[in-house]
């Protein structure tokens, strides 16, 4: 109860007027304060990267001493890249590819006219956390994370920090929108002085195929890829009993630390599986704003049909899932 005195000097003998906020108004005020506090907690969680940065610096110094052939590492905070030569390949899928979707682009010859450097791994949670810490960037992405159901669903508390399952800083960053991915590569460019960007679709598929023409870089059979990619398989079916899965076990239910599986012929890891990877391309040929963007590669959440070199996924540029991530590129 709040006591409000009369205007001016109160007259002797006249009591103060008691005023009580209506119950519904008070409840709304309390709810707004609670939601504001929770939203602030979601955005401003402290991220202790001291251990990660120390390990990263030690690894960077060791890498510099060895100077691996074809690899590029510009800064301890940046991802390791692999330099790929110029070349030609068949982009898309042939009519004969058993699992192809009806609207999937048919194969056509494409040339990558200049060498390109592609991320050796998807961007990790640690690398993304360092970007957030250094840049102050505040993602506005509504994350669709794991809430115990088969599908990934939006929840106010899901974010790249908390996608609904545990991750290490070696796991791929998730809940990333295309806008977040662009902000990340722009920061990398400022941080390193090098022109980082997202790969184009053609560059991505060239890198993913690594000279192969089969549905997957390891062959046609998804069951022979459990040592090559983290996708929906028998390890996932133990939990998600209604999923269509590959008949093998990769040992991961959700994301796996990058580099957990064997690389393709270009020495690139997780080109298929683990997380979908945004590319630069617009999903349509129209000019102006482009609200729909393309990603490639499939994820831990994908049934085998989606974990193929030719598959494209299209979604809104502002959308994030606990299966959407990043792989970076730059000209070497």
C-alpha atoms as a PDB file:
ATOM      1  CA  UNK A   1       0.000   0.000   0.000  1.00  0.00           C
ATOM      2  CA  UNK A   2       1.310   3.476  -0.941  1.00  0.00           C
ATOM      3  CA  UNK A   3       0.232   6.595   1.009  1.00  0.00           C
ATOM      4  CA  UNK A   4      -0.114   9.725  -1.144  1.00  0.00           C
ATOM      5  CA  UNK A   5      -0.358  13.070   0.672  1.00  0.00           C
ATOM      6  CA  UNK A   6      -2.812  15.678  -0.556  1.00  0.00           C
ATOM      7  CA  UNK A   7      -1.423  18.406  -2.819  1.00  0.00           C
ATOM      8  CA  UNK A   8       0.322  21.114  -0.863  1.00  0.00           C
ATOM      9  CA  UNK A   9       0.596  21.140   2.927  1.00  0.00           C
ATOM     10  CA  UNK A  10      -1.655  18.467   4.377  1.00  0.00           C
ATOM     11  CA  UNK A  11      -4.572  19.869   6.415  1.00  0.00           C
ATOM     12  CA  UNK A  12      -4.553  18.955  10.097  1.00  0.00           C
ATOM     13  CA  UNK A  13      -6.850  16.073  10.858  1.00  0.00           C
ATOM     14  CA  UNK A  14      -7.150  14.858   7.245  1.00  0.00           C
ATOM     15  CA  UNK A  15      -5.537  11.389   6.908  1.00  0.00           C
ATOM     16  CA  UNK A  16      -3.247  10.447   4.014  1.00  0.00           C
ATOM     17  CA  UNK A  17      -5.034   8.675   1.146  1.00  0.00           C
ATOM     18  CA  UNK A  18      -4.184   4.948   0.886  1.00  0.00           C
ATOM     19  CA  UNK A  19      -3.750   3.666  -2.703  1.00  0.00           C
ATOM     20  CA  UNK A  20      -3.274  -0.006  -3.590  1.00  0.00           C
ATOM     21  CA  UNK A  21      -2.036  -1.180  -7.016  1.00  0.00           C
ATOM     22  CA  UNK A  22      -4.538  -3.564  -8.605  1.00  0.00           C
ATOM     23  CA  UNK A  23      -3.427  -7.163  -8.292  1.00  0.00           C
ATOM     24  CA  UNK A  24      -3.243  -7.743 -12.064  1.00  0.00           C
ATOM     25  CA  UNK A  25      -1.130  -4.616 -12.640  1.00  0.00           C
ATOM     26  CA  UNK A  26       1.282  -5.620  -9.888  1.00  0.00           C
ATOM     27  CA  UNK A  27       1.604  -9.105 -11.310  1.00  0.00           C
ATOM     28  CA  UNK A  28       2.350  -7.720 -14.775  1.00  0.00           C
ATOM     29  CA  UNK A  29       5.044  -5.402 -13.354  1.00  0.00           C
ATOM     30  CA  UNK A  30       6.685  -8.292 -11.511  1.00  0.00           C
ATOM     31  CA  UNK A  31       6.542 -10.488 -14.618  1.00  0.00           C
ATOM     32  CA  UNK A  32       8.143  -7.788 -16.762  1.00  0.00           C
ATOM     33  CA  UNK A  33      10.965  -7.346 -14.235  1.00  0.00           C
ATOM     34  CA  UNK A  34      11.578 -11.087 -14.052  1.00  0.00           C
ATOM     35  CA  UNK A  35      11.617 -11.490 -17.844  1.00  0.00           C
ATOM     36  CA  UNK A  36      13.974  -8.527 -18.219  1.00  0.00           C
ATOM     37  CA  UNK A  37      16.340 -10.032 -15.664  1.00  0.00           C
ATOM     38  CA  UNK A  38      16.251 -13.425 -17.361  1.00  0.00           C
ATOM     39  CA  UNK A  39      16.819 -11.890 -20.789  1.00  0.00           C
ATOM     40  CA  UNK A  40      19.806  -9.987 -19.416  1.00  0.00           C
ATOM     41  CA  UNK A  41      21.186 -13.203 -17.928  1.00  0.00           C
ATOM     42  CA  UNK A  42      20.780 -14.955 -21.289  1.00  0.00           C
ATOM     43  CA  UNK A  43      22.682 -12.224 -23.119  1.00  0.00           C
ATOM     44  CA  UNK A  44      25.407 -11.414 -20.623  1.00  0.00           C
ATOM     45  CA  UNK A  45      26.677 -14.701 -19.254  1.00  0.00           C
ATOM     46  CA  UNK A  46      30.402 -14.439 -18.465  1.00  0.00           C
ATOM     47  CA  UNK A  47      32.576 -16.631 -20.661  1.00  0.00           C
ATOM     48  CA  UNK A  48      35.919 -17.648 -19.138  1.00  0.00           C
ATOM     49  CA  UNK A  49      38.241 -18.249 -22.074  1.00  0.00           C
ATOM     50  CA  UNK A  50      41.559 -17.921 -20.231  1.00  0.00           C
ATOM     51  CA  UNK A  51      42.287 -21.645 -20.428  1.00  0.00           C
ATOM     52  CA  UNK A  52      41.154 -21.877 -24.023  1.00  0.00           C
ATOM     53  CA  UNK A  53      43.327 -18.918 -25.054  1.00  0.00           C
ATOM     54  CA  UNK A  54      46.408 -20.333 -23.315  1.00  0.00           C
ATOM     55  CA  UNK A  55      45.987 -23.680 -25.059  1.00  0.00           C
ATOM     56  CA  UNK A  56      45.312 -21.929 -28.337  1.00  0.00           C
ATOM     57  CA  UNK A  57      48.455 -19.808 -28.135  1.00  0.00           C
ATOM     58  CA  UNK A  58      50.571 -22.871 -27.347  1.00  0.00           C
ATOM     59  CA  UNK A  59      49.066 -24.737 -30.321  1.00  0.00           C
ATOM     60  CA  UNK A  60      49.639 -21.709 -32.585  1.00  0.00           C
ATOM     61  CA  UNK A  61      53.302 -21.457 -31.608  1.00  0.00           C
ATOM     62  CA  UNK A  62      53.780 -25.189 -32.176  1.00  0.00           C
ATOM     63  CA  UNK A  63      52.067 -24.895 -35.565  1.00  0.00           C
ATOM     64  CA  UNK A  64      54.354 -21.996 -36.551  1.00  0.00           C
ATOM     65  CA  UNK A  65      57.408 -24.086 -35.728  1.00  0.00           C
ATOM     66  CA  UNK A  66      56.159 -26.910 -37.937  1.00  0.00           C
ATOM     67  CA  UNK A  67      54.606 -24.792 -40.725  1.00  0.00           C
ATOM     68  CA  UNK A  68      52.422 -27.561 -42.198  1.00  0.00           C
ATOM     69  CA  UNK A  69      52.173 -27.618 -45.981  1.00  0.00           C
ATOM     70  CA  UNK A  70      48.984 -26.098 -47.463  1.00  0.00           C
ATOM     71  CA  UNK A  71      47.753 -24.866 -44.074  1.00  0.00           C
ATOM     72  CA  UNK A  72      47.201 -21.214 -43.152  1.00  0.00           C
ATOM     73  CA  UNK A  73      46.781 -19.958 -39.594  1.00  0.00           C
ATOM     74  CA  UNK A  74      46.708 -16.185 -39.369  1.00  0.00           C
ATOM     75  CA  UNK A  75      46.106 -15.653 -35.646  1.00  0.00           C
ATOM     76  CA  UNK A  76      45.536 -17.745 -32.495  1.00  0.00           C
ATOM     77  CA  UNK A  77      41.913 -16.533 -32.433  1.00  0.00           C
ATOM     78  CA  UNK A  78      41.302 -17.492 -36.082  1.00  0.00           C
ATOM     79  CA  UNK A  79      40.409 -20.903 -37.538  1.00  0.00           C
ATOM     80  CA  UNK A  80      43.049 -22.979 -39.328  1.00  0.00           C
ATOM     81  CA  UNK A  81      42.609 -22.950 -43.123  1.00  0.00           C
ATOM     82  CA  UNK A  82      43.608 -25.371 -45.869  1.00  0.00           C
ATOM     83  CA  UNK A  83      44.691 -23.897 -49.209  1.00  0.00           C
ATOM     84  CA  UNK A  84      42.975 -25.619 -52.141  1.00  0.00           C
ATOM     85  CA  UNK A  85      44.188 -25.357 -55.746  1.00  0.00           C
ATOM     86  CA  UNK A  86      42.070 -24.049 -58.588  1.00  0.00           C
ATOM     87  CA  UNK A  87      40.197 -26.782 -60.414  1.00  0.00           C
ATOM     88  CA  UNK A  88      36.998 -28.015 -62.040  1.00  0.00           C
ATOM     89  CA  UNK A  89      34.267 -30.388 -60.877  1.00  0.00           C
ATOM     90  CA  UNK A  90      30.664 -31.434 -61.505  1.00  0.00           C
ATOM     91  CA  UNK A  91      28.354 -29.502 -59.192  1.00  0.00           C
ATOM     92  CA  UNK A  92      24.941 -30.943 -58.299  1.00  0.00           C
ATOM     93  CA  UNK A  93      23.635 -34.497 -58.524  1.00  0.00           C
ATOM     94  CA  UNK A  94      22.995 -36.768 -61.534  1.00  0.00           C
ATOM     95  CA  UNK A  95      19.582 -38.256 -62.306  1.00  0.00           C
ATOM     96  CA  UNK A  96      20.995 -41.611 -61.267  1.00  0.00           C
ATOM     97  CA  UNK A  97      21.749 -40.553 -57.682  1.00  0.00           C
ATOM     98  CA  UNK A  98      19.282 -42.683 -55.763  1.00  0.00           C
ATOM     99  CA  UNK A  99      18.603 -40.294 -52.874  1.00  0.00           C
ATOM    100  CA  UNK A 100      18.447 -37.022 -54.814  1.00  0.00           C
ATOM    101  CA  UNK A 101      15.493 -34.690 -54.304  1.00  0.00           C
ATOM    102  CA  UNK A 102      13.347 -33.765 -57.339  1.00  0.00           C
ATOM    103  CA  UNK A 103      14.264 -30.067 -57.090  1.00  0.00           C
ATOM    104  CA  UNK A 104      17.976 -30.721 -56.642  1.00  0.00           C
ATOM    105  CA  UNK A 105      20.159 -29.054 -59.319  1.00  0.00           C
ATOM    106  CA  UNK A 106      21.400 -31.456 -61.986  1.00  0.00           C
ATOM    107  CA  UNK A 107      25.125 -31.829 -62.453  1.00  0.00           C
ATOM    108  CA  UNK A 108      26.940 -29.206 -64.452  1.00  0.00           C
ATOM    109  CA  UNK A 109      30.654 -28.451 -64.887  1.00  0.00           C
ATOM    110  CA  UNK A 110      31.963 -25.637 -62.673  1.00  0.00           C
ATOM    111  CA  UNK A 111      35.454 -24.158 -62.527  1.00  0.00           C
ATOM    112  CA  UNK A 112      37.107 -22.710 -59.433  1.00  0.00           C
ATOM    113  CA  UNK A 113      39.438 -20.380 -61.286  1.00  0.00           C
ATOM    114  CA  UNK A 114      41.610 -19.296 -58.364  1.00  0.00           C
ATOM    115  CA  UNK A 115      43.031 -21.044 -55.298  1.00  0.00           C
ATOM    116  CA  UNK A 116      40.891 -20.681 -52.184  1.00  0.00           C
ATOM    117  CA  UNK A 117      41.571 -21.306 -48.498  1.00  0.00           C
ATOM    118  CA  UNK A 118      38.767 -23.105 -46.630  1.00  0.00           C
ATOM    119  CA  UNK A 119      38.386 -23.719 -42.902  1.00  0.00           C
ATOM    120  CA  UNK A 120      39.942 -27.038 -41.921  1.00  0.00           C
ATOM    121  CA  UNK A 121      37.071 -27.480 -39.464  1.00  0.00           C
ATOM    122  CA  UNK A 122      33.749 -25.786 -38.796  1.00  0.00           C
ATOM    123  CA  UNK A 123      34.136 -22.772 -36.501  1.00  0.00           C
ATOM    124  CA  UNK A 124      34.278 -24.048 -32.934  1.00  0.00           C
ATOM    125  CA  UNK A 125      32.378 -22.855 -29.896  1.00  0.00           C
ATOM    126  CA  UNK A 126      35.623 -21.514 -28.433  1.00  0.00           C
ATOM    127  CA  UNK A 127      36.416 -19.526 -31.569  1.00  0.00           C
ATOM    128  CA  UNK A 128      32.907 -18.085 -31.657  1.00  0.00           C
ATOM    129  CA  UNK A 129      32.994 -17.257 -27.940  1.00  0.00           C
ATOM    130  CA  UNK A 130      36.236 -15.356 -28.481  1.00  0.00           C
ATOM    131  CA  UNK A 131      34.534 -13.343 -31.241  1.00  0.00           C
ATOM    132  CA  UNK A 132      31.649 -12.465 -28.901  1.00  0.00           C
ATOM    133  CA  UNK A 133      34.053 -11.557 -26.104  1.00  0.00           C
ATOM    134  CA  UNK A 134      36.306  -9.358 -28.226  1.00  0.00           C
ATOM    135  CA  UNK A 135      33.711  -7.676 -30.444  1.00  0.00           C
ATOM    136  CA  UNK A 136      30.822  -7.235 -28.018  1.00  0.00           C
ATOM    137  CA  UNK A 137      28.488  -8.554 -30.707  1.00  0.00           C
ATOM    138  CA  UNK A 138      25.018  -9.390 -29.391  1.00  0.00           C
ATOM    139  CA  UNK A 139      23.247 -12.025 -31.488  1.00  0.00           C
ATOM    140  CA  UNK A 140      19.506 -11.505 -31.872  1.00  0.00           C
ATOM    141  CA  UNK A 141      19.038 -14.997 -33.237  1.00  0.00           C
ATOM    142  CA  UNK A 142      16.130 -17.022 -31.864  1.00  0.00           C
ATOM    143  CA  UNK A 143      17.654 -20.457 -31.448  1.00  0.00           C
ATOM    144  CA  UNK A 144      15.767 -23.646 -32.097  1.00  0.00           C
ATOM    145  CA  UNK A 145      17.443 -26.039 -29.702  1.00  0.00           C
ATOM    146  CA  UNK A 146      16.942 -29.426 -28.131  1.00  0.00           C
ATOM    147  CA  UNK A 147      14.111 -29.494 -25.599  1.00  0.00           C
ATOM    148  CA  UNK A 148      13.780 -33.281 -25.341  1.00  0.00           C
ATOM    149  CA  UNK A 149      11.620 -33.792 -28.409  1.00  0.00           C
ATOM    150  CA  UNK A 150      12.532 -35.194 -31.808  1.00  0.00           C
ATOM    151  CA  UNK A 151      12.421 -31.756 -33.453  1.00  0.00           C
ATOM    152  CA  UNK A 152      14.438 -28.680 -32.560  1.00  0.00           C
ATOM    153  CA  UNK A 153      12.165 -26.050 -31.042  1.00  0.00           C
ATOM    154  CA  UNK A 154      12.536 -22.346 -30.177  1.00  0.00           C
ATOM    155  CA  UNK A 155      12.928 -21.493 -26.488  1.00  0.00           C
ATOM    156  CA  UNK A 156      13.789 -18.127 -24.958  1.00  0.00           C
ATOM    157  CA  UNK A 157      16.784 -19.566 -23.101  1.00  0.00           C
ATOM    158  CA  UNK A 158      18.388 -21.372 -26.068  1.00  0.00           C
ATOM    159  CA  UNK A 159      21.435 -19.705 -27.620  1.00  0.00           C
ATOM    160  CA  UNK A 160      24.877 -20.582 -28.943  1.00  0.00           C
ATOM    161  CA  UNK A 161      25.869 -20.869 -25.278  1.00  0.00           C
ATOM    162  CA  UNK A 162      23.021 -23.218 -24.356  1.00  0.00           C
ATOM    163  CA  UNK A 163      21.581 -25.131 -27.321  1.00  0.00           C
ATOM    164  CA  UNK A 164      19.888 -27.715 -25.101  1.00  0.00           C
ATOM    165  CA  UNK A 165      22.836 -30.101 -24.812  1.00  0.00           C
ATOM    166  CA  UNK A 166      26.379 -29.922 -23.460  1.00  0.00           C
ATOM    167  CA  UNK A 167      29.268 -28.832 -25.665  1.00  0.00           C
ATOM    168  CA  UNK A 168      32.995 -28.329 -25.263  1.00  0.00           C
ATOM    169  CA  UNK A 169      34.915 -25.448 -26.813  1.00  0.00           C
ATOM    170  CA  UNK A 170      36.107 -27.966 -29.428  1.00  0.00           C
ATOM    171  CA  UNK A 171      32.550 -28.645 -30.598  1.00  0.00           C
ATOM    172  CA  UNK A 172      31.241 -26.680 -33.580  1.00  0.00           C
ATOM    173  CA  UNK A 173      29.427 -23.459 -32.728  1.00  0.00           C
ATOM    174  CA  UNK A 174      25.652 -23.835 -33.201  1.00  0.00           C
ATOM    175  CA  UNK A 175      22.539 -21.650 -33.141  1.00  0.00           C
ATOM    176  CA  UNK A 176      24.246 -19.431 -35.710  1.00  0.00           C
ATOM    177  CA  UNK A 177      22.214 -17.400 -38.208  1.00  0.00           C
ATOM    178  CA  UNK A 178      23.556 -16.183 -41.551  1.00  0.00           C
ATOM    179  CA  UNK A 179      23.764 -12.675 -40.093  1.00  0.00           C
ATOM    180  CA  UNK A 180      25.796 -14.023 -37.157  1.00  0.00           C
ATOM    181  CA  UNK A 181      28.098 -15.830 -39.595  1.00  0.00           C
ATOM    182  CA  UNK A 182      28.650 -12.622 -41.555  1.00  0.00           C
ATOM    183  CA  UNK A 183      29.386 -10.683 -38.376  1.00  0.00           C
ATOM    184  CA  UNK A 184      31.921 -13.348 -37.429  1.00  0.00           C
ATOM    185  CA  UNK A 185      33.869 -13.228 -40.719  1.00  0.00           C
ATOM    186  CA  UNK A 186      33.816  -9.417 -40.659  1.00  0.00           C
ATOM    187  CA  UNK A 187      35.373  -9.527 -37.174  1.00  0.00           C
ATOM    188  CA  UNK A 188      37.975 -12.065 -38.358  1.00  0.00           C
ATOM    189  CA  UNK A 189      38.945  -9.678 -41.157  1.00  0.00           C
ATOM    190  CA  UNK A 190      39.473  -6.861 -38.659  1.00  0.00           C
ATOM    191  CA  UNK A 191      41.262  -9.132 -36.200  1.00  0.00           C
ATOM    192  CA  UNK A 192      43.728 -10.597 -38.705  1.00  0.00           C
ATOM    193  CA  UNK A 193      43.937  -7.978 -41.448  1.00  0.00           C
ATOM    194  CA  UNK A 194      43.012 -10.683 -43.969  1.00  0.00           C
ATOM    195  CA  UNK A 195      39.858 -10.739 -46.142  1.00  0.00           C
ATOM    196  CA  UNK A 196      37.776 -13.489 -44.489  1.00  0.00           C
ATOM    197  CA  UNK A 197      34.365 -14.363 -45.887  1.00  0.00           C
ATOM    198  CA  UNK A 198      31.878 -17.193 -46.229  1.00  0.00           C
ATOM    199  CA  UNK A 199      32.585 -19.664 -49.042  1.00  0.00           C
ATOM    200  CA  UNK A 200      30.402 -19.609 -52.125  1.00  0.00           C
ATOM    201  CA  UNK A 201      28.239 -22.642 -52.861  1.00  0.00           C
ATOM    202  CA  UNK A 202      30.564 -23.665 -55.672  1.00  0.00           C
ATOM    203  CA  UNK A 203      33.647 -23.366 -53.469  1.00  0.00           C
ATOM    204  CA  UNK A 204      31.960 -25.310 -50.695  1.00  0.00           C
ATOM    205  CA  UNK A 205      30.937 -28.219 -52.940  1.00  0.00           C
ATOM    206  CA  UNK A 206      34.338 -28.276 -54.638  1.00  0.00           C
ATOM    207  CA  UNK A 207      35.927 -28.539 -51.181  1.00  0.00           C
ATOM    208  CA  UNK A 208      33.408 -31.140 -49.957  1.00  0.00           C
ATOM    209  CA  UNK A 209      33.778 -33.443 -52.958  1.00  0.00           C
ATOM    210  CA  UNK A 210      37.585 -33.280 -52.977  1.00  0.00           C
ATOM    211  CA  UNK A 211      37.729 -34.749 -56.469  1.00  0.00           C
ATOM    212  CA  UNK A 212      34.961 -37.348 -56.012  1.00  0.00           C
ATOM    213  CA  UNK A 213      31.743 -37.788 -58.003  1.00  0.00           C
ATOM    214  CA  UNK A 214      29.842 -40.048 -55.615  1.00  0.00           C
ATOM    215  CA  UNK A 215      26.938 -38.927 -53.427  1.00  0.00           C
ATOM    216  CA  UNK A 216      29.330 -38.576 -50.493  1.00  0.00           C
ATOM    217  CA  UNK A 217      33.051 -38.115 -50.620  1.00  0.00           C
ATOM    218  CA  UNK A 218      33.531 -41.600 -49.128  1.00  0.00           C
ATOM    219  CA  UNK A 219      31.110 -43.272 -51.568  1.00  0.00           C
ATOM    220  CA  UNK A 220      27.410 -43.956 -52.036  1.00  0.00           C
ATOM    221  CA  UNK A 221      26.585 -45.879 -48.848  1.00  0.00           C
ATOM    222  CA  UNK A 222      25.852 -43.710 -45.773  1.00  0.00           C
ATOM    223  CA  UNK A 223      26.522 -46.704 -43.507  1.00  0.00           C
ATOM    224  CA  UNK A 224      30.171 -46.640 -44.558  1.00  0.00           C
ATOM    225  CA  UNK A 225      30.628 -43.081 -43.328  1.00  0.00           C
ATOM    226  CA  UNK A 226      30.321 -43.342 -39.552  1.00  0.00           C
ATOM    227  CA  UNK A 227      34.081 -42.824 -39.260  1.00  0.00           C
ATOM    228  CA  UNK A 228      33.798 -39.838 -41.629  1.00  0.00           C
ATOM    229  CA  UNK A 229      30.733 -37.838 -40.525  1.00  0.00           C
ATOM    230  CA  UNK A 230      28.485 -37.197 -37.525  1.00  0.00           C
ATOM    231  CA  UNK A 231      24.902 -37.606 -38.707  1.00  0.00           C
ATOM    232  CA  UNK A 232      21.745 -39.427 -37.626  1.00  0.00           C
ATOM    233  CA  UNK A 233      22.686 -43.065 -37.123  1.00  0.00           C
ATOM    234  CA  UNK A 234      22.182 -45.857 -34.613  1.00  0.00           C
ATOM    235  CA  UNK A 235      23.863 -43.754 -31.893  1.00  0.00           C
ATOM    236  CA  UNK A 236      21.018 -41.243 -32.309  1.00  0.00           C
ATOM    237  CA  UNK A 237      18.268 -43.832 -32.726  1.00  0.00           C
ATOM    238  CA  UNK A 238      18.867 -45.023 -29.160  1.00  0.00           C
ATOM    239  CA  UNK A 239      17.271 -41.715 -28.104  1.00  0.00           C
ATOM    240  CA  UNK A 240      15.260 -40.710 -31.176  1.00  0.00           C
ATOM    241  CA  UNK A 241      13.534 -43.992 -31.903  1.00  0.00           C
ATOM    242  CA  UNK A 242      11.433 -42.667 -34.811  1.00  0.00           C
ATOM    243  CA  UNK A 243      14.380 -41.246 -36.797  1.00  0.00           C
ATOM    244  CA  UNK A 244      15.506 -42.548 -40.177  1.00  0.00           C
ATOM    245  CA  UNK A 245      19.201 -43.286 -39.638  1.00  0.00           C
ATOM    246  CA  UNK A 246      22.324 -44.757 -41.197  1.00  0.00           C
ATOM    247  CA  UNK A 247      22.972 -48.362 -40.198  1.00  0.00           C
ATOM    248  CA  UNK A 248      26.184 -47.700 -38.269  1.00  0.00           C
ATOM    249  CA  UNK A 249      27.352 -45.892 -35.119  1.00  0.00           C
ATOM    250  CA  UNK A 250      29.434 -42.708 -35.054  1.00  0.00           C
ATOM    251  CA  UNK A 251      29.355 -42.496 -31.239  1.00  0.00           C
ATOM    252  CA  UNK A 252      27.741 -39.028 -31.023  1.00  0.00           C
ATOM    253  CA  UNK A 253      24.178 -38.123 -30.120  1.00  0.00           C
ATOM    254  CA  UNK A 254      24.520 -34.363 -30.643  1.00  0.00           C
ATOM    255  CA  UNK A 255      27.555 -32.429 -31.935  1.00  0.00           C
ATOM    256  CA  UNK A 256      31.006 -34.004 -31.740  1.00  0.00           C
ATOM    257  CA  UNK A 257      34.325 -32.144 -31.294  1.00  0.00           C
ATOM    258  CA  UNK A 258      35.603 -31.044 -34.685  1.00  0.00           C
ATOM    259  CA  UNK A 259      38.156 -33.395 -36.200  1.00  0.00           C
ATOM    260  CA  UNK A 260      36.667 -36.453 -34.473  1.00  0.00           C
ATOM    261  CA  UNK A 261      36.216 -38.234 -37.818  1.00  0.00           C
ATOM    262  CA  UNK A 262      38.529 -38.813 -40.770  1.00  0.00           C
ATOM    263  CA  UNK A 263      39.054 -35.986 -43.283  1.00  0.00           C
ATOM    264  CA  UNK A 264      38.232 -35.952 -46.979  1.00  0.00           C
ATOM    265  CA  UNK A 265      40.832 -35.963 -49.749  1.00  0.00           C
ATOM    266  CA  UNK A 266      41.575 -32.259 -49.265  1.00  0.00           C
ATOM    267  CA  UNK A 267      42.291 -32.738 -45.549  1.00  0.00           C
ATOM    268  CA  UNK A 268      39.024 -31.038 -44.512  1.00  0.00           C
ATOM    269  CA  UNK A 269      37.009 -32.343 -41.556  1.00  0.00           C
ATOM    270  CA  UNK A 270      33.235 -32.416 -41.070  1.00  0.00           C
ATOM    271  CA  UNK A 271      32.440 -31.229 -44.572  1.00  0.00           C
ATOM    272  CA  UNK A 272      29.440 -33.534 -44.234  1.00  0.00           C
ATOM    273  CA  UNK A 273      27.659 -33.920 -40.905  1.00  0.00           C
ATOM    274  CA  UNK A 274      28.108 -32.320 -37.475  1.00  0.00           C
ATOM    275  CA  UNK A 275      26.613 -28.923 -38.478  1.00  0.00           C
ATOM    276  CA  UNK A 276      25.045 -27.306 -41.519  1.00  0.00           C
ATOM    277  CA  UNK A 277      27.381 -24.597 -42.840  1.00  0.00           C
ATOM    278  CA  UNK A 278      26.160 -21.251 -44.151  1.00  0.00           C
ATOM    279  CA  UNK A 279      27.511 -20.117 -47.516  1.00  0.00           C
ATOM    280  CA  UNK A 280      27.490 -16.677 -49.084  1.00  0.00           C
ATOM    281  CA  UNK A 281      24.887 -17.317 -51.775  1.00  0.00           C
ATOM    282  CA  UNK A 282      21.365 -15.981 -51.850  1.00  0.00           C
ATOM    283  CA  UNK A 283      18.690 -18.643 -52.304  1.00  0.00           C
ATOM    284  CA  UNK A 284      17.092 -16.693 -55.165  1.00  0.00           C
ATOM    285  CA  UNK A 285      18.415 -14.811 -58.169  1.00  0.00           C
ATOM    286  CA  UNK A 286      16.530 -11.610 -57.383  1.00  0.00           C
ATOM    287  CA  UNK A 287      18.342  -8.383 -56.562  1.00  0.00           C
ATOM    288  CA  UNK A 288      18.122  -6.225 -53.467  1.00  0.00           C
ATOM    289  CA  UNK A 289      17.557  -7.704 -50.029  1.00  0.00           C
ATOM    290  CA  UNK A 290      17.989 -11.451 -49.699  1.00  0.00           C
ATOM    291  CA  UNK A 291      16.013 -12.876 -46.755  1.00  0.00           C
ATOM    292  CA  UNK A 292      16.677 -16.517 -47.719  1.00  0.00           C
ATOM    293  CA  UNK A 293      20.181 -17.965 -47.631  1.00  0.00           C
ATOM    294  CA  UNK A 294      21.813 -21.313 -48.400  1.00  0.00           C
ATOM    295  CA  UNK A 295      23.685 -23.769 -46.207  1.00  0.00           C
ATOM    296  CA  UNK A 296      25.342 -27.063 -47.028  1.00  0.00           C
ATOM    297  CA  UNK A 297      26.598 -30.306 -45.520  1.00  0.00           C
ATOM    298  CA  UNK A 298      23.927 -31.784 -43.240  1.00  0.00           C
ATOM    299  CA  UNK A 299      24.323 -32.167 -39.484  1.00  0.00           C
ATOM    300  CA  UNK A 300      24.098 -34.434 -36.436  1.00  0.00           C
ATOM    301  CA  UNK A 301      20.314 -33.981 -36.740  1.00  0.00           C
ATOM    302  CA  UNK A 302      20.091 -35.000 -40.429  1.00  0.00           C
ATOM    303  CA  UNK A 303      18.900 -38.314 -41.830  1.00  0.00           C
ATOM    304  CA  UNK A 304      21.274 -39.894 -44.389  1.00  0.00           C
ATOM    305  CA  UNK A 305      19.515 -38.460 -47.438  1.00  0.00           C
ATOM    306  CA  UNK A 306      20.549 -34.941 -46.394  1.00  0.00           C
ATOM    307  CA  UNK A 307      24.172 -35.833 -45.740  1.00  0.00           C
ATOM    308  CA  UNK A 308      25.315 -35.720 -49.362  1.00  0.00           C
ATOM    309  CA  UNK A 309      27.633 -33.391 -51.266  1.00  0.00           C
ATOM    310  CA  UNK A 310      24.879 -32.000 -53.540  1.00  0.00           C
ATOM    311  CA  UNK A 311      22.242 -31.225 -50.894  1.00  0.00           C
ATOM    312  CA  UNK A 312      21.208 -27.603 -50.297  1.00  0.00           C
ATOM    313  CA  UNK A 313      19.239 -26.297 -47.347  1.00  0.00           C
ATOM    314  CA  UNK A 314      17.500 -22.911 -47.494  1.00  0.00           C
ATOM    315  CA  UNK A 315      16.376 -20.891 -44.507  1.00  0.00           C
ATOM    316  CA  UNK A 316      15.824 -17.331 -43.343  1.00  0.00           C
ATOM    317  CA  UNK A 317      19.023 -15.356 -42.817  1.00  0.00           C
ATOM    318  CA  UNK A 318      17.949 -14.583 -39.238  1.00  0.00           C
ATOM    319  CA  UNK A 319      17.214 -18.192 -38.241  1.00  0.00           C
ATOM    320  CA  UNK A 320      19.410 -20.286 -35.968  1.00  0.00           C
ATOM    321  CA  UNK A 321      19.168 -23.975 -35.110  1.00  0.00           C
ATOM    322  CA  UNK A 322      21.254 -26.121 -32.783  1.00  0.00           C
ATOM    323  CA  UNK A 323      22.453 -27.704 -36.035  1.00  0.00           C
ATOM    324  CA  UNK A 324      23.454 -24.503 -37.939  1.00  0.00           C
ATOM    325  CA  UNK A 325      27.132 -23.487 -37.920  1.00  0.00           C
ATOM    326  CA  UNK A 326      29.896 -21.794 -39.932  1.00  0.00           C
ATOM    327  CA  UNK A 327      32.888 -22.621 -42.087  1.00  0.00           C
ATOM    328  CA  UNK A 328      35.055 -19.740 -43.270  1.00  0.00           C
ATOM    329  CA  UNK A 329      37.050 -18.975 -46.409  1.00  0.00           C
ATOM    330  CA  UNK A 330      39.498 -16.446 -47.770  1.00  0.00           C
ATOM    331  CA  UNK A 331      41.732 -16.011 -50.774  1.00  0.00           C
ATOM    332  CA  UNK A 332      45.214 -17.379 -49.937  1.00  0.00           C
END
